[in-house]
Amino acid sequence: MFKHKDAAPTDPIIFETILSEKPGGGLVKNPEFDLKPGIAMSQDTDGLFIPIKGYRLVTECKKADTTIKISKGSGIKKGDVIAHGKKGVACTAVDTTTSDDYDVVTVTMGVDIAQDTVLYQAASAADGSTATAAPIHEPEYILGNFMGNLGKAGEGDFEARLIRAASLRKETAPVAKEVVDLMKGITLD
């Protein structure tokens, strides 16, 4: 007897075009959260690659909002400095239980930000006028596709494809425009 079975969900398309990658890829440090292709990567002092978190807004953020909704899977945790443009603010709490689709983050950004904007992990808090926010690490590559269970939190270091030059889909890439602007061959289209 025939039974209909829905197709398995597919991964979103991140890369429109890949032009160049690091020969041989690189060794990614055991992640604290599940990594996704398209996230910006930097190299630490041990030569391992580490992520620069990207936080996609599920709803728009108003200037006076004291909480924001961030898509699940960003790795957000209490104390992370969330930045947009030149302003960065530390989050004081993260509620992961309210929804299966988003985390509720306690933070007052102090600016209006459109829905689906990707915010970035900053090195330190900054008001945007006397001090400006910058990514927590210098972005060097974009994490490429990887096979199987690699990239999972706590599963150890893993080898991965590292993209040097590419066109990314802005609707799906988990990387902020401000981070992409610091990378020579990467564009958000």
N, C-alpha and C. Protein backbone atom coordinates (compact mmCIF):
# COMPACT_ATOMS: atom_id res chain seq x y z
N MET A 1 0.83 -1.17 0.00
CA MET A 1 0.00 0.00 0.00
C MET A 1 0.89 1.25 0.00
N PHE A 2 0.52 2.23 -0.78
CA PHE A 2 1.30 3.47 -0.90
C PHE A 2 0.98 4.41 0.25
N LYS A 3 2.03 4.94 0.85
CA LYS A 3 1.86 5.97 1.88
C LYS A 3 2.74 7.15 1.50
N HIS A 4 2.17 8.32 1.59
CA HIS A 4 2.94 9.53 1.29
C HIS A 4 3.87 9.85 2.46
N LYS A 5 5.09 10.19 2.12
CA LYS A 5 6.06 10.59 3.13
C LYS A 5 6.68 11.90 2.68
N ASP A 6 6.59 12.92 3.53
CA ASP A 6 7.17 14.21 3.17
C ASP A 6 8.68 14.09 3.00
N ALA A 7 9.20 14.90 2.12
CA ALA A 7 10.65 14.93 1.90
C ALA A 7 11.35 15.48 3.13
N ALA A 8 12.55 15.02 3.35
CA ALA A 8 13.34 15.53 4.47
C ALA A 8 13.67 16.99 4.22
N PRO A 9 13.75 17.78 5.28
CA PRO A 9 14.08 19.19 5.08
C PRO A 9 15.48 19.34 4.48
N THR A 10 15.64 20.32 3.63
CA THR A 10 16.94 20.54 2.99
C THR A 10 17.67 21.69 3.67
N ASP A 11 18.97 21.67 3.55
CA ASP A 11 19.76 22.78 4.07
C ASP A 11 19.59 23.97 3.15
N PRO A 12 19.57 25.18 3.72
CA PRO A 12 19.43 26.36 2.86
C PRO A 12 20.67 26.56 1.99
N ILE A 13 20.48 27.16 0.84
CA ILE A 13 21.60 27.46 -0.05
C ILE A 13 22.31 28.70 0.49
N ILE A 14 23.58 28.57 0.77
CA ILE A 14 24.39 29.66 1.33
C ILE A 14 25.23 30.31 0.25
N PHE A 15 25.85 29.49 -0.59
CA PHE A 15 26.81 29.97 -1.58
C PHE A 15 26.17 30.10 -2.96
N GLU A 16 26.25 31.29 -3.54
CA GLU A 16 25.84 31.48 -4.93
C GLU A 16 26.98 31.05 -5.85
N THR A 17 28.19 31.52 -5.54
CA THR A 17 29.38 31.20 -6.33
C THR A 17 30.58 31.12 -5.40
N ILE A 18 31.41 30.10 -5.58
CA ILE A 18 32.67 30.00 -4.84
C ILE A 18 33.79 30.17 -5.84
N LEU A 19 34.64 31.16 -5.59
CA LEU A 19 35.72 31.48 -6.52
C LEU A 19 37.08 30.97 -6.06
N SER A 20 37.30 30.92 -4.75
CA SER A 20 38.61 30.53 -4.24
C SER A 20 38.47 29.98 -2.83
N GLU A 21 39.31 29.02 -2.50
CA GLU A 21 39.31 28.49 -1.14
C GLU A 21 40.73 28.22 -0.68
N LYS A 22 40.90 28.03 0.62
CA LYS A 22 42.22 27.76 1.19
C LYS A 22 42.62 26.35 0.78
N PRO A 23 43.76 26.20 0.10
CA PRO A 23 44.20 24.85 -0.30
C PRO A 23 44.32 23.94 0.92
N GLY A 24 43.68 22.81 0.87
CA GLY A 24 43.73 21.86 1.98
C GLY A 24 42.79 22.17 3.12
N GLY A 25 42.08 23.29 3.05
CA GLY A 25 41.16 23.65 4.12
C GLY A 25 41.89 23.99 5.40
N GLY A 26 41.29 23.68 6.53
CA GLY A 26 41.91 23.99 7.81
C GLY A 26 41.29 23.18 8.93
N LEU A 27 41.93 23.18 10.08
CA LEU A 27 41.45 22.46 11.24
C LEU A 27 40.65 23.41 12.12
N VAL A 28 39.37 23.09 12.30
CA VAL A 28 38.46 23.92 13.09
C VAL A 28 38.47 23.42 14.53
N LYS A 29 38.63 24.35 15.47
CA LYS A 29 38.67 24.02 16.89
C LYS A 29 37.32 23.47 17.34
N ASN A 30 37.36 22.51 18.24
CA ASN A 30 36.15 21.92 18.80
C ASN A 30 35.15 23.02 19.16
N PRO A 31 34.02 23.09 18.45
CA PRO A 31 33.10 24.22 18.66
C PRO A 31 32.25 24.10 19.93
N GLU A 32 31.87 25.26 20.47
CA GLU A 32 30.99 25.32 21.64
C GLU A 32 29.53 25.18 21.23
N PHE A 33 29.24 25.38 19.95
CA PHE A 33 27.88 25.25 19.42
C PHE A 33 27.98 24.64 18.03
N ASP A 34 26.88 24.09 17.52
CA ASP A 34 26.88 23.46 16.20
C ASP A 34 27.14 24.51 15.12
N LEU A 35 28.19 24.31 14.34
CA LEU A 35 28.55 25.27 13.29
C LEU A 35 27.75 25.01 12.02
N LYS A 36 27.53 26.08 11.27
CA LYS A 36 26.82 25.99 9.99
C LYS A 36 27.72 26.54 8.89
N PRO A 37 27.64 25.99 7.70
CA PRO A 37 28.38 26.59 6.59
C PRO A 37 27.96 28.05 6.42
N GLY A 38 28.93 28.88 6.03
CA GLY A 38 28.65 30.29 5.79
C GLY A 38 29.05 31.20 6.93
N ILE A 39 29.45 30.64 8.07
CA ILE A 39 29.85 31.46 9.21
C ILE A 39 31.29 31.94 9.00
N ALA A 40 31.60 33.14 9.45
CA ALA A 40 32.96 33.68 9.32
C ALA A 40 33.89 32.98 10.30
N MET A 41 35.13 32.75 9.85
CA MET A 41 36.12 32.05 10.66
C MET A 41 37.39 32.88 10.78
N SER A 42 38.06 32.72 11.92
CA SER A 42 39.33 33.38 12.18
C SER A 42 40.30 32.33 12.71
N GLN A 43 41.58 32.64 12.67
CA GLN A 43 42.58 31.69 13.16
C GLN A 43 43.05 32.12 14.54
N ASP A 44 43.09 31.18 15.49
CA ASP A 44 43.57 31.52 16.83
C ASP A 44 45.09 31.37 16.91
N THR A 45 45.66 31.61 18.08
CA THR A 45 47.12 31.59 18.24
C THR A 45 47.71 30.18 18.08
N ASP A 46 46.88 29.15 18.19
CA ASP A 46 47.34 27.77 18.01
C ASP A 46 47.22 27.29 16.57
N GLY A 47 46.74 28.17 15.68
CA GLY A 47 46.57 27.79 14.28
C GLY A 47 45.26 27.10 13.96
N LEU A 48 44.37 27.00 14.96
CA LEU A 48 43.05 26.41 14.73
C LEU A 48 42.08 27.51 14.33
N PHE A 49 41.05 27.13 13.58
CA PHE A 49 40.07 28.12 13.13
C PHE A 49 38.87 28.14 14.08
N ILE A 50 38.42 29.36 14.39
CA ILE A 50 37.32 29.58 15.34
C ILE A 50 36.28 30.50 14.71
N PRO A 51 35.00 30.33 15.11
CA PRO A 51 33.93 31.12 14.47
C PRO A 51 33.77 32.52 15.05
N ILE A 52 33.21 33.38 14.22
CA ILE A 52 32.70 34.68 14.66
C ILE A 52 31.18 34.54 14.55
N LYS A 53 30.51 34.53 15.69
CA LYS A 53 29.08 34.27 15.70
C LYS A 53 28.30 35.32 14.92
N GLY A 54 27.26 34.86 14.25
CA GLY A 54 26.31 35.73 13.56
C GLY A 54 24.93 35.48 14.14
N TYR A 55 24.20 36.54 14.46
CA TYR A 55 22.89 36.43 15.11
C TYR A 55 21.82 37.01 14.20
N ARG A 56 20.99 36.17 13.58
CA ARG A 56 19.94 36.64 12.67
C ARG A 56 18.68 37.00 13.46
N LEU A 57 18.20 38.24 13.26
CA LEU A 57 16.97 38.70 13.92
C LEU A 57 15.75 38.03 13.29
N VAL A 58 14.90 37.47 14.11
CA VAL A 58 13.66 36.84 13.65
C VAL A 58 12.58 37.90 13.46
N THR A 59 12.61 38.93 14.29
CA THR A 59 11.67 40.06 14.18
C THR A 59 12.48 41.35 14.18
N GLU A 60 11.86 42.43 13.76
CA GLU A 60 12.58 43.70 13.78
C GLU A 60 12.87 44.12 15.22
N CYS A 61 13.87 44.94 15.38
CA CYS A 61 14.27 45.45 16.69
C CYS A 61 14.01 46.96 16.70
N LYS A 62 13.27 47.40 17.68
CA LYS A 62 13.01 48.84 17.85
C LYS A 62 14.02 49.41 18.84
N LYS A 63 14.25 50.70 18.74
CA LYS A 63 15.25 51.39 19.56
C LYS A 63 15.10 51.10 21.06
N ALA A 64 13.87 51.07 21.56
CA ALA A 64 13.63 50.90 23.00
C ALA A 64 13.44 49.45 23.44
N ASP A 65 13.46 48.50 22.52
CA ASP A 65 13.25 47.09 22.88
C ASP A 65 14.31 46.62 23.88
N THR A 66 13.87 45.84 24.88
CA THR A 66 14.80 45.30 25.86
C THR A 66 15.12 43.83 25.61
N THR A 67 14.41 43.23 24.64
CA THR A 67 14.71 41.86 24.22
C THR A 67 14.65 41.79 22.70
N ILE A 68 15.40 40.86 22.15
CA ILE A 68 15.35 40.60 20.71
C ILE A 68 15.20 39.10 20.51
N LYS A 69 14.70 38.71 19.34
CA LYS A 69 14.55 37.30 19.01
C LYS A 69 15.59 36.93 17.95
N ILE A 70 16.42 35.96 18.29
CA ILE A 70 17.52 35.51 17.44
C ILE A 70 17.23 34.08 16.98
N SER A 71 17.47 33.78 15.71
CA SER A 71 17.28 32.42 15.19
C SER A 71 18.07 31.41 16.01
N LYS A 72 17.48 30.24 16.21
CA LYS A 72 18.17 29.15 16.91
C LYS A 72 19.45 28.77 16.17
N GLY A 73 20.42 28.28 16.93
CA GLY A 73 21.64 27.77 16.33
C GLY A 73 22.77 28.77 16.21
N SER A 74 22.60 29.97 16.76
CA SER A 74 23.63 31.00 16.63
C SER A 74 24.77 30.82 17.63
N GLY A 75 24.52 30.06 18.70
CA GLY A 75 25.53 29.91 19.73
C GLY A 75 25.51 31.04 20.75
N ILE A 76 24.48 31.87 20.72
CA ILE A 76 24.38 33.01 21.64
C ILE A 76 24.42 32.52 23.09
N LYS A 77 25.14 33.24 23.93
CA LYS A 77 25.15 32.93 25.36
C LYS A 77 25.27 34.22 26.16
N LYS A 78 24.87 34.15 27.41
CA LYS A 78 24.90 35.31 28.29
C LYS A 78 26.31 35.90 28.31
N GLY A 79 26.39 37.22 28.14
CA GLY A 79 27.68 37.90 28.14
C GLY A 79 28.23 38.19 26.76
N ASP A 80 27.72 37.51 25.72
CA ASP A 80 28.15 37.82 24.35
C ASP A 80 27.85 39.29 24.04
N VAL A 81 28.77 39.94 23.36
CA VAL A 81 28.53 41.32 22.92
C VAL A 81 27.97 41.25 21.51
N ILE A 82 26.74 41.73 21.37
CA ILE A 82 26.02 41.71 20.09
C ILE A 82 26.17 43.08 19.47
N ALA A 83 26.57 43.13 18.20
CA ALA A 83 26.82 44.42 17.56
C ALA A 83 26.08 44.56 16.24
N HIS A 84 25.78 45.82 15.94
CA HIS A 84 25.20 46.21 14.65
C HIS A 84 25.83 47.55 14.31
N GLY A 85 26.41 47.63 13.12
CA GLY A 85 27.11 48.86 12.76
C GLY A 85 28.27 49.08 13.71
N LYS A 86 28.32 50.24 14.33
CA LYS A 86 29.42 50.58 15.24
C LYS A 86 29.07 50.38 16.70
N LYS A 87 27.83 49.96 16.98
CA LYS A 87 27.36 49.84 18.36
C LYS A 87 27.33 48.38 18.79
N GLY A 88 27.86 48.10 19.99
CA GLY A 88 27.85 46.76 20.54
C GLY A 88 27.38 46.77 21.98
N VAL A 89 26.52 45.81 22.35
CA VAL A 89 25.95 45.75 23.69
C VAL A 89 26.00 44.30 24.18
N ALA A 90 26.42 44.12 25.43
CA ALA A 90 26.47 42.77 26.01
C ALA A 90 25.06 42.31 26.37
N CYS A 91 24.76 41.06 26.07
CA CYS A 91 23.44 40.53 26.46
C CYS A 91 23.52 40.02 27.89
N THR A 92 22.42 40.19 28.62
CA THR A 92 22.41 39.84 30.04
C THR A 92 21.69 38.54 30.34
N ALA A 93 20.90 38.03 29.39
CA ALA A 93 20.21 36.76 29.59
C ALA A 93 19.81 36.18 28.24
N VAL A 94 19.69 34.85 28.19
CA VAL A 94 19.25 34.15 26.98
C VAL A 94 18.21 33.11 27.39
N ASP A 95 17.01 33.20 26.80
CA ASP A 95 15.94 32.24 27.04
C ASP A 95 15.84 31.33 25.82
N THR A 96 16.20 30.07 25.99
CA THR A 96 16.19 29.12 24.87
C THR A 96 14.93 28.25 24.86
N THR A 97 14.03 28.44 25.85
CA THR A 97 12.89 27.55 26.00
C THR A 97 11.58 28.07 25.42
N THR A 98 11.49 29.34 25.11
CA THR A 98 10.24 29.94 24.64
C THR A 98 9.77 29.39 23.31
N SER A 99 10.69 29.15 22.38
CA SER A 99 10.32 28.72 21.03
C SER A 99 11.34 27.73 20.48
N ASP A 100 10.89 26.90 19.55
CA ASP A 100 11.80 25.99 18.85
C ASP A 100 12.52 26.70 17.71
N ASP A 101 12.06 27.90 17.34
CA ASP A 101 12.60 28.63 16.20
C ASP A 101 13.56 29.75 16.57
N TYR A 102 13.45 30.28 17.78
CA TYR A 102 14.28 31.43 18.15
C TYR A 102 14.60 31.43 19.64
N ASP A 103 15.65 32.17 20.00
CA ASP A 103 16.02 32.42 21.38
C ASP A 103 15.65 33.86 21.70
N VAL A 104 15.16 34.10 22.91
CA VAL A 104 14.85 35.46 23.36
C VAL A 104 16.06 35.96 24.14
N VAL A 105 16.66 37.04 23.65
CA VAL A 105 17.89 37.56 24.22
C VAL A 105 17.61 38.90 24.89
N THR A 106 18.02 39.04 26.15
CA THR A 106 17.83 40.29 26.87
C THR A 106 19.00 41.22 26.56
N VAL A 107 18.70 42.26 25.79
CA VAL A 107 19.70 43.25 25.39
C VAL A 107 18.95 44.46 24.84
N THR A 108 19.44 45.65 25.10
CA THR A 108 18.85 46.86 24.52
C THR A 108 19.84 47.40 23.50
N MET A 109 19.53 47.20 22.22
CA MET A 109 20.44 47.63 21.15
C MET A 109 20.46 49.15 21.01
N GLY A 110 19.33 49.81 21.28
CA GLY A 110 19.29 51.28 21.21
C GLY A 110 19.17 51.84 19.81
N VAL A 111 18.95 50.99 18.83
CA VAL A 111 18.76 51.43 17.44
C VAL A 111 17.69 50.56 16.79
N ASP A 112 17.05 51.08 15.75
CA ASP A 112 16.09 50.30 14.98
C ASP A 112 16.85 49.41 14.01
N ILE A 113 16.49 48.12 13.96
CA ILE A 113 17.16 47.17 13.07
C ILE A 113 16.08 46.32 12.40
N ALA A 114 16.19 46.15 11.09
CA ALA A 114 15.19 45.41 10.32
C ALA A 114 15.24 43.90 10.61
N GLN A 115 14.08 43.26 10.44
CA GLN A 115 13.98 41.81 10.55
C GLN A 115 14.93 41.16 9.54
N ASP A 116 15.48 40.01 9.88
CA ASP A 116 16.40 39.22 9.06
C ASP A 116 17.81 39.80 8.96
N THR A 117 18.08 40.89 9.64
CA THR A 117 19.44 41.43 9.69
C THR A 117 20.29 40.49 10.54
N VAL A 118 21.53 40.26 10.11
CA VAL A 118 22.45 39.45 10.91
C VAL A 118 23.35 40.39 11.70
N LEU A 119 23.31 40.25 13.02
CA LEU A 119 24.18 41.00 13.91
C LEU A 119 25.45 40.18 14.11
N TYR A 120 26.49 40.78 14.69
CA TYR A 120 27.74 40.04 14.83
C TYR A 120 28.27 40.05 16.26
N GLN A 121 29.14 39.10 16.56
CA GLN A 121 29.78 38.99 17.86
C GLN A 121 30.96 39.97 17.90
N ALA A 122 30.88 40.92 18.83
CA ALA A 122 31.91 41.95 18.94
C ALA A 122 32.89 41.64 20.07
N ALA A 123 34.05 42.27 19.98
CA ALA A 123 35.09 42.08 20.98
C ALA A 123 34.73 42.72 22.31
N SER A 124 34.09 43.90 22.25
CA SER A 124 33.72 44.60 23.47
C SER A 124 32.55 45.54 23.19
N ALA A 125 31.88 45.94 24.26
CA ALA A 125 30.75 46.86 24.13
C ALA A 125 31.25 48.21 23.64
N ALA A 126 30.42 48.89 22.86
CA ALA A 126 30.78 50.20 22.31
C ALA A 126 29.51 50.99 22.06
N ASP A 127 29.55 52.29 22.36
CA ASP A 127 28.36 53.12 22.18
C ASP A 127 28.19 53.62 20.75
N GLY A 128 29.19 53.43 19.90
CA GLY A 128 29.09 53.84 18.51
C GLY A 128 29.56 55.25 18.23
N SER A 129 29.77 56.05 19.28
CA SER A 129 30.25 57.42 19.05
C SER A 129 31.65 57.63 19.64
N THR A 130 31.83 57.35 20.92
CA THR A 130 33.17 57.50 21.50
C THR A 130 34.01 56.24 21.31
N ALA A 131 33.33 55.12 21.14
CA ALA A 131 34.01 53.84 20.87
C ALA A 131 33.19 53.10 19.83
N THR A 132 33.87 52.37 18.95
CA THR A 132 33.15 51.62 17.91
C THR A 132 33.37 50.12 18.07
N ALA A 133 32.32 49.37 17.78
CA ALA A 133 32.38 47.91 17.88
C ALA A 133 33.15 47.33 16.70
N ALA A 134 33.80 46.22 16.95
CA ALA A 134 34.52 45.47 15.91
C ALA A 134 34.34 43.99 16.21
N PRO A 135 34.40 43.14 15.19
CA PRO A 135 34.24 41.69 15.43
C PRO A 135 35.24 41.17 16.47
N ILE A 136 34.83 40.14 17.18
CA ILE A 136 35.64 39.57 18.26
C ILE A 136 36.98 39.04 17.75
N HIS A 137 37.02 38.60 16.50
CA HIS A 137 38.25 38.12 15.86
C HIS A 137 38.33 38.71 14.46
N GLU A 138 39.52 38.74 13.90
CA GLU A 138 39.71 39.20 12.52
C GLU A 138 39.21 38.12 11.55
N PRO A 139 38.16 38.40 10.76
CA PRO A 139 37.65 37.37 9.85
C PRO A 139 38.63 37.08 8.71
N GLU A 140 38.84 35.79 8.42
CA GLU A 140 39.76 35.41 7.34
C GLU A 140 39.07 34.59 6.26
N TYR A 141 38.20 33.68 6.67
CA TYR A 141 37.55 32.77 5.73
C TYR A 141 36.08 32.61 6.09
N ILE A 142 35.35 31.98 5.18
CA ILE A 142 33.98 31.56 5.43
C ILE A 142 34.00 30.03 5.50
N LEU A 143 33.33 29.48 6.50
CA LEU A 143 33.28 28.03 6.65
C LEU A 143 32.49 27.43 5.49
N GLY A 144 33.10 26.49 4.78
CA GLY A 144 32.44 25.84 3.65
C GLY A 144 31.61 24.66 4.10
N ASN A 145 31.09 23.94 3.13
CA ASN A 145 30.29 22.75 3.43
C ASN A 145 31.19 21.67 4.01
N PHE A 146 30.63 20.85 4.88
CA PHE A 146 31.36 19.72 5.44
C PHE A 146 30.41 18.53 5.50
N MET A 147 30.96 17.35 5.66
CA MET A 147 30.17 16.12 5.56
C MET A 147 29.77 15.58 6.93
N GLY A 148 28.63 14.94 6.97
CA GLY A 148 28.21 14.17 8.14
C GLY A 148 28.02 14.98 9.39
N ASN A 149 28.51 14.42 10.49
CA ASN A 149 28.28 14.97 11.81
C ASN A 149 29.35 15.97 12.23
N LEU A 150 30.20 16.36 11.30
CA LEU A 150 31.23 17.32 11.64
C LEU A 150 30.60 18.66 12.00
N GLY A 151 31.30 19.45 12.79
CA GLY A 151 30.80 20.76 13.15
C GLY A 151 29.88 20.77 14.34
N LYS A 152 29.67 19.61 14.96
CA LYS A 152 28.79 19.53 16.12
C LYS A 152 29.55 19.90 17.39
N ALA A 153 28.87 20.56 18.30
CA ALA A 153 29.47 20.99 19.56
C ALA A 153 29.98 19.79 20.34
N GLY A 154 31.21 19.91 20.87
CA GLY A 154 31.77 18.89 21.72
C GLY A 154 32.27 17.63 21.03
N GLU A 155 32.27 17.60 19.71
CA GLU A 155 32.69 16.40 18.97
C GLU A 155 34.18 16.44 18.60
N GLY A 156 34.89 17.47 19.03
CA GLY A 156 36.31 17.55 18.75
C GLY A 156 36.65 18.42 17.56
N ASP A 157 37.95 18.64 17.36
CA ASP A 157 38.43 19.41 16.21
C ASP A 157 38.08 18.66 14.93
N PHE A 158 37.89 19.38 13.83
CA PHE A 158 37.59 18.72 12.57
C PHE A 158 38.15 19.52 11.40
N GLU A 159 38.45 18.80 10.32
CA GLU A 159 38.94 19.45 9.10
C GLU A 159 37.75 19.98 8.32
N ALA A 160 37.92 21.16 7.73
CA ALA A 160 36.81 21.76 6.99
C ALA A 160 37.32 22.56 5.81
N ARG A 161 36.44 22.76 4.88
CA ARG A 161 36.69 23.59 3.71
C ARG A 161 36.58 25.05 4.15
N LEU A 162 37.56 25.87 3.79
CA LEU A 162 37.56 27.29 4.14
C LEU A 162 37.55 28.12 2.87
N ILE A 163 36.55 28.95 2.72
CA ILE A 163 36.33 29.73 1.51
C ILE A 163 36.97 31.10 1.63
N ARG A 164 37.77 31.46 0.63
CA ARG A 164 38.47 32.75 0.60
C ARG A 164 37.70 33.79 -0.21
N ALA A 165 37.09 33.38 -1.32
CA ALA A 165 36.36 34.30 -2.20
C ALA A 165 35.08 33.64 -2.66
N ALA A 166 33.94 34.32 -2.41
CA ALA A 166 32.64 33.75 -2.79
C ALA A 166 31.56 34.81 -2.74
N SER A 167 30.46 34.48 -3.38
CA SER A 167 29.24 35.28 -3.29
C SER A 167 28.27 34.49 -2.42
N LEU A 168 27.83 35.10 -1.32
CA LEU A 168 26.93 34.44 -0.38
C LEU A 168 25.52 34.99 -0.53
N ARG A 169 24.54 34.16 -0.25
CA ARG A 169 23.14 34.59 -0.25
C ARG A 169 22.84 35.31 1.05
N LYS A 170 22.52 36.60 0.97
CA LYS A 170 22.30 37.38 2.20
C LYS A 170 21.09 36.88 2.99
N GLU A 171 20.12 36.25 2.32
CA GLU A 171 18.92 35.76 3.00
C GLU A 171 19.19 34.55 3.88
N THR A 172 20.28 33.84 3.64
CA THR A 172 20.54 32.60 4.38
C THR A 172 21.91 32.53 5.05
N ALA A 173 22.86 33.33 4.63
CA ALA A 173 24.22 33.26 5.19
C ALA A 173 24.22 33.75 6.65
N PRO A 174 24.82 32.99 7.56
CA PRO A 174 24.86 33.37 8.97
C PRO A 174 26.03 34.29 9.31
N VAL A 175 26.20 35.33 8.51
CA VAL A 175 27.32 36.25 8.71
C VAL A 175 26.82 37.68 8.50
N ALA A 176 27.29 38.59 9.34
CA ALA A 176 26.87 39.99 9.29
C ALA A 176 27.58 40.75 8.17
N LYS A 177 26.89 41.74 7.63
CA LYS A 177 27.45 42.59 6.58
C LYS A 177 28.75 43.25 7.05
N GLU A 178 28.77 43.69 8.30
CA GLU A 178 29.96 44.37 8.84
C GLU A 178 31.18 43.45 8.84
N VAL A 179 30.97 42.16 9.05
CA VAL A 179 32.06 41.18 9.03
C VAL A 179 32.49 40.93 7.59
N VAL A 180 31.53 40.77 6.69
CA VAL A 180 31.83 40.55 5.27
C VAL A 180 32.62 41.73 4.71
N ASP A 181 32.29 42.94 5.13
CA ASP A 181 32.99 44.13 4.64
C ASP A 181 34.49 44.11 4.97
N LEU A 182 34.89 43.32 5.95
CA LEU A 182 36.31 43.22 6.33
C LEU A 182 37.05 42.12 5.55
N MET A 183 36.32 41.39 4.71
CA MET A 183 36.91 40.27 3.99
C MET A 183 37.00 40.59 2.51
N LYS A 184 38.19 40.52 1.94
CA LYS A 184 38.40 40.88 0.54
C LYS A 184 37.57 40.05 -0.41
N GLY A 185 37.48 38.97 -0.65
CA GLY A 185 36.77 38.30 -1.75
C GLY A 185 35.37 37.84 -1.46
N ILE A 186 34.77 38.26 -0.34
CA ILE A 186 33.44 37.79 0.03
C ILE A 186 32.41 38.89 -0.20
N THR A 187 31.28 38.52 -0.83
CA THR A 187 30.18 39.47 -1.02
C THR A 187 28.87 38.83 -0.57
N LEU A 188 27.94 39.67 -0.13
CA LEU A 188 26.58 39.24 0.20
C LEU A 188 25.68 39.73 -0.90
N ASP A 189 25.06 38.83 -1.64
CA ASP A 189 24.18 39.21 -2.74
C ASP A 189 22.77 38.74 -2.50
